[in-house]
């Protein structure tokens, strides 16, 4: 056997098994600066209403039937939803403008940074098997909103063939290339993110983990 191989074998078989190694770890603090919108709570409540929702259709889409006569809207996040009646809609004839006025709504959410506020125009229905798809949708990602502040936002209103699939996407250049939809106007609304757990989350605390978090 070559001497160098013998010494290596001797090292692994006789010396290392009976040796002790001292390893020390040094942790250094890191100053990580993030935008205020990314420093909030993942569990929160989305506050909407108290100020009107304002829909304004582009000139070439002002004759859309569902807007010309007013329609109901549904507001939803991952964990909760609310339906606003058509009776609250005020239509400005011929202008493509519709306004909904209603009391403030609170929509609890457990994963705010992975959730969007979805606004659906029309559709729904209360009888099983007779629910219809919305006529149009608007999507507002919640991860860009700083909590504790009123945000006056304007988001695109879109129509398309597969709105059920489209509502799960962010509207980017890639989405435009891979999905068929058309922007027909814009929706103006005021949103606030109220951070943390509160009583609004109680009825949605169905799992053991959520019930434990709520009770403690």
Protein backbone atom coordinates (compact mmCIF):
# COMPACT_ATOMS: atom_id res chain seq x y z
CA UNK A 1 0.00 0.00 0.00
CA UNK A 2 1.24 3.46 -0.84
CA UNK A 3 2.34 5.37 2.31
CA UNK A 4 0.07 8.34 1.65
CA UNK A 5 -2.99 6.04 1.33
CA UNK A 6 -2.07 4.25 4.55
CA UNK A 7 -1.77 7.50 6.49
CA UNK A 8 -5.13 8.71 5.13
CA UNK A 9 -6.81 5.40 6.06
CA UNK A 10 -5.22 5.55 9.48
CA UNK A 11 -6.54 9.09 9.94
CA UNK A 12 -10.18 8.14 9.19
CA UNK A 13 -10.19 4.87 11.16
CA UNK A 14 -8.25 5.72 14.29
CA UNK A 15 -7.98 9.44 14.84
CA UNK A 16 -11.19 11.11 13.63
CA UNK A 17 -13.71 8.81 15.41
CA UNK A 18 -12.19 9.81 18.75
CA UNK A 19 -11.68 13.49 18.04
CA UNK A 20 -13.74 16.49 19.08
CA UNK A 21 -14.37 19.56 16.97
CA UNK A 22 -15.40 22.93 18.38
CA UNK A 23 -17.52 24.99 16.02
CA UNK A 24 -18.58 28.53 16.81
CA UNK A 25 -21.22 30.53 14.93
CA UNK A 26 -21.34 34.28 14.77
CA UNK A 27 -24.66 35.98 14.01
CA UNK A 28 -24.48 39.53 12.76
CA UNK A 29 -27.47 41.86 12.64
CA UNK A 30 -28.60 43.00 9.23
CA UNK A 31 -30.34 46.29 8.58
CA UNK A 32 -33.07 45.34 6.11
CA UNK A 33 -35.08 48.23 4.76
CA UNK A 34 -38.43 47.35 3.17
CA UNK A 35 -41.22 49.56 1.83
CA UNK A 36 -43.93 50.29 4.45
CA UNK A 37 -46.46 48.22 2.50
CA UNK A 38 -44.32 45.09 3.04
CA UNK A 39 -43.92 45.51 6.80
CA UNK A 40 -47.52 44.84 7.82
CA UNK A 41 -49.57 41.93 9.13
CA UNK A 42 -50.62 39.03 6.94
CA UNK A 43 -53.82 38.72 8.99
CA UNK A 44 -55.98 41.81 8.57
CA UNK A 45 -59.40 43.19 7.69
CA UNK A 46 -60.12 45.01 4.44
CA UNK A 47 -62.35 48.04 5.01
CA UNK A 48 -64.40 49.22 2.04
CA UNK A 49 -67.35 51.54 1.64
CA UNK A 50 -68.50 54.61 3.49
CA UNK A 51 -67.41 56.39 0.31
CA UNK A 52 -68.94 55.65 -3.11
CA UNK A 53 -67.69 53.12 -5.63
CA UNK A 54 -67.44 54.89 -8.98
CA UNK A 55 -67.41 53.01 -12.29
CA UNK A 56 -66.55 54.92 -15.44
CA UNK A 57 -66.70 53.07 -18.76
CA UNK A 58 -64.64 54.11 -21.76
CA UNK A 59 -66.54 55.93 -24.50
CA UNK A 60 -66.77 52.91 -26.81
CA UNK A 61 -68.23 50.70 -24.04
CA UNK A 62 -70.85 53.01 -22.51
CA UNK A 63 -73.71 51.02 -24.01
CA UNK A 64 -72.92 47.79 -22.14
CA UNK A 65 -76.37 46.62 -20.92
CA UNK A 66 -75.33 45.59 -17.42
CA UNK A 67 -73.90 49.05 -16.73
CA UNK A 68 -76.58 51.08 -18.49
CA UNK A 69 -79.26 49.68 -16.18
CA UNK A 70 -77.14 49.31 -13.05
CA UNK A 71 -76.16 45.99 -11.51
CA UNK A 72 -75.27 44.31 -8.26
CA UNK A 73 -71.62 43.90 -7.27
CA UNK A 74 -69.87 41.29 -5.16
CA UNK A 75 -66.74 42.10 -3.15
CA UNK A 76 -64.59 39.18 -2.07
CA UNK A 77 -61.20 38.19 -0.70
CA UNK A 78 -59.89 34.68 -0.02
CA UNK A 79 -61.84 34.19 3.20
CA UNK A 80 -64.97 36.34 2.96
CA UNK A 81 -67.31 38.15 0.58
CA UNK A 82 -70.16 40.67 0.56
CA UNK A 83 -72.87 41.36 -2.02
CA UNK A 84 -74.06 44.89 -2.80
CA UNK A 85 -77.59 45.18 -4.15
CA UNK A 86 -78.43 46.68 -7.55
CA UNK A 87 -80.78 49.04 -5.69
CA UNK A 88 -77.75 50.99 -4.40
CA UNK A 89 -76.55 51.76 -7.94
CA UNK A 90 -77.05 55.25 -9.38
CA UNK A 91 -76.66 55.44 -13.17
CA UNK A 92 -75.82 58.64 -14.99
CA UNK A 93 -77.59 58.05 -18.32
CA UNK A 94 -75.43 58.10 -21.43
CA UNK A 95 -72.21 58.83 -19.55
CA UNK A 96 -71.07 55.29 -18.78
CA UNK A 97 -70.86 56.22 -15.09
CA UNK A 98 -72.36 54.17 -12.24
CA UNK A 99 -72.00 54.86 -8.54
CA UNK A 100 -72.74 52.54 -5.62
CA UNK A 101 -73.16 54.00 -2.14
CA UNK A 102 -73.24 51.70 0.91
CA UNK A 103 -72.16 51.52 4.55
CA UNK A 104 -68.63 50.43 5.37
CA UNK A 105 -67.93 46.72 4.94
CA UNK A 106 -65.19 44.74 6.67
CA UNK A 107 -63.77 41.68 4.92
CA UNK A 108 -61.47 39.53 7.14
CA UNK A 109 -58.46 37.95 5.47
CA UNK A 110 -55.78 35.59 6.83
CA UNK A 111 -53.27 35.79 3.96
CA UNK A 112 -53.33 39.42 2.93
CA UNK A 113 -50.02 39.32 1.07
CA UNK A 114 -51.28 36.51 -1.16
CA UNK A 115 -54.80 37.89 -1.66
CA UNK A 116 -56.54 40.34 -3.97
CA UNK A 117 -59.78 42.23 -3.52
CA UNK A 118 -62.05 40.97 -6.29
CA UNK A 119 -64.96 43.12 -7.49
CA UNK A 120 -67.50 41.25 -9.64
CA UNK A 121 -70.18 43.11 -11.58
CA UNK A 122 -73.43 41.18 -12.00
CA UNK A 123 -73.70 37.42 -11.95
CA UNK A 124 -74.41 35.29 -8.92
CA UNK A 125 -77.86 34.02 -8.05
CA UNK A 126 -79.18 32.21 -5.00
CA UNK A 127 -80.61 29.01 -6.54
CA UNK A 128 -78.26 26.02 -6.91
CA UNK A 129 -77.37 25.33 -10.53
CA UNK A 130 -78.61 28.73 -11.71
CA UNK A 131 -75.67 30.89 -10.71
CA UNK A 132 -74.28 32.96 -13.56
CA UNK A 133 -70.82 34.30 -14.22
CA UNK A 134 -70.11 37.99 -13.65
CA UNK A 135 -70.36 40.42 -16.55
CA UNK A 136 -67.06 42.09 -15.65
CA UNK A 137 -64.45 42.08 -12.90
CA UNK A 138 -61.85 44.36 -11.29
CA UNK A 139 -58.92 43.04 -9.25
CA UNK A 140 -56.89 44.91 -6.61
CA UNK A 141 -53.84 43.11 -5.10
CA UNK A 142 -53.61 43.85 -1.37
CA UNK A 143 -49.86 43.37 -1.00
CA UNK A 144 -49.12 46.90 -2.20
CA UNK A 145 -51.30 48.70 0.38
CA UNK A 146 -49.85 50.17 3.55
CA UNK A 147 -52.00 49.31 6.55
CA UNK A 148 -53.73 51.99 8.56
CA UNK A 149 -54.00 54.40 5.62
CA UNK A 150 -56.89 55.30 3.32
CA UNK A 151 -55.96 54.41 -0.24
CA UNK A 152 -57.80 56.08 -3.10
CA UNK A 153 -57.24 53.63 -5.92
CA UNK A 154 -58.25 53.28 -9.55
CA UNK A 155 -58.25 49.80 -11.10
CA UNK A 156 -59.15 48.53 -14.58
CA UNK A 157 -62.52 46.89 -15.23
CA UNK A 158 -62.25 43.99 -17.67
CA UNK A 159 -64.55 41.68 -19.61
CA UNK A 160 -63.62 38.35 -21.21
CA UNK A 161 -64.58 34.76 -21.91
CA UNK A 162 -63.04 33.10 -18.86
CA UNK A 163 -63.43 35.55 -15.99
CA UNK A 164 -63.44 32.75 -13.43
CA UNK A 165 -59.89 31.90 -14.43
CA UNK A 166 -58.84 35.48 -15.07
CA UNK A 167 -59.81 36.69 -11.60
CA UNK A 168 -56.98 34.60 -10.12
CA UNK A 169 -54.33 36.52 -12.06
CA UNK A 170 -52.58 39.83 -11.77
CA UNK A 171 -52.97 42.02 -14.83
CA UNK A 172 -49.51 42.23 -16.36
CA UNK A 173 -48.05 42.22 -19.86
CA UNK A 174 -47.76 38.43 -19.60
CA UNK A 175 -51.43 38.10 -18.66
CA UNK A 176 -52.37 40.12 -21.71
CA UNK A 177 -50.45 37.70 -23.93
CA UNK A 178 -51.91 34.52 -22.42
CA UNK A 179 -55.55 35.46 -21.64
CA UNK A 180 -58.34 36.93 -23.73
CA UNK A 181 -59.83 39.99 -22.08
CA UNK A 182 -60.58 43.63 -22.78
CA UNK A 183 -60.36 46.67 -20.50
CA UNK A 184 -63.67 48.54 -20.71
CA UNK A 185 -63.27 51.17 -18.02
CA UNK A 186 -62.01 51.92 -14.53
CA UNK A 187 -63.28 51.62 -10.97
CA UNK A 188 -62.45 54.16 -8.27
CA UNK A 189 -62.73 53.17 -4.62
CA UNK A 190 -61.28 53.82 -1.18
CA UNK A 191 -59.67 50.93 0.74
CA UNK A 192 -58.09 50.66 4.19
CA UNK A 193 -56.19 47.71 5.69
CA UNK A 194 -56.94 47.22 9.40
CA UNK A 195 -54.11 44.99 10.71
CA UNK A 196 -54.39 41.97 13.02
CA UNK A 197 -57.12 39.65 14.30
CA UNK A 198 -60.42 41.06 15.51
CA UNK A 199 -64.01 39.95 16.03
CA UNK A 200 -64.66 39.97 12.27
CA UNK A 201 -62.47 36.87 11.98
CA UNK A 202 -64.45 34.79 14.49
CA UNK A 203 -66.97 33.24 12.11
CA UNK A 204 -64.20 32.32 9.66
CA UNK A 205 -62.04 30.58 12.28
CA UNK A 206 -63.14 27.10 11.22
CA UNK A 207 -59.89 25.14 11.36
CA UNK A 208 -58.17 24.17 14.60
CA UNK A 209 -55.19 26.42 13.85
CA UNK A 210 -57.37 29.46 13.12
CA UNK A 211 -59.56 28.83 16.16
CA UNK A 212 -56.46 28.57 18.36
CA UNK A 213 -55.04 31.79 16.91
CA UNK A 214 -58.31 33.62 17.44
CA UNK A 215 -58.79 32.43 21.04
CA UNK A 216 -55.25 33.19 22.12
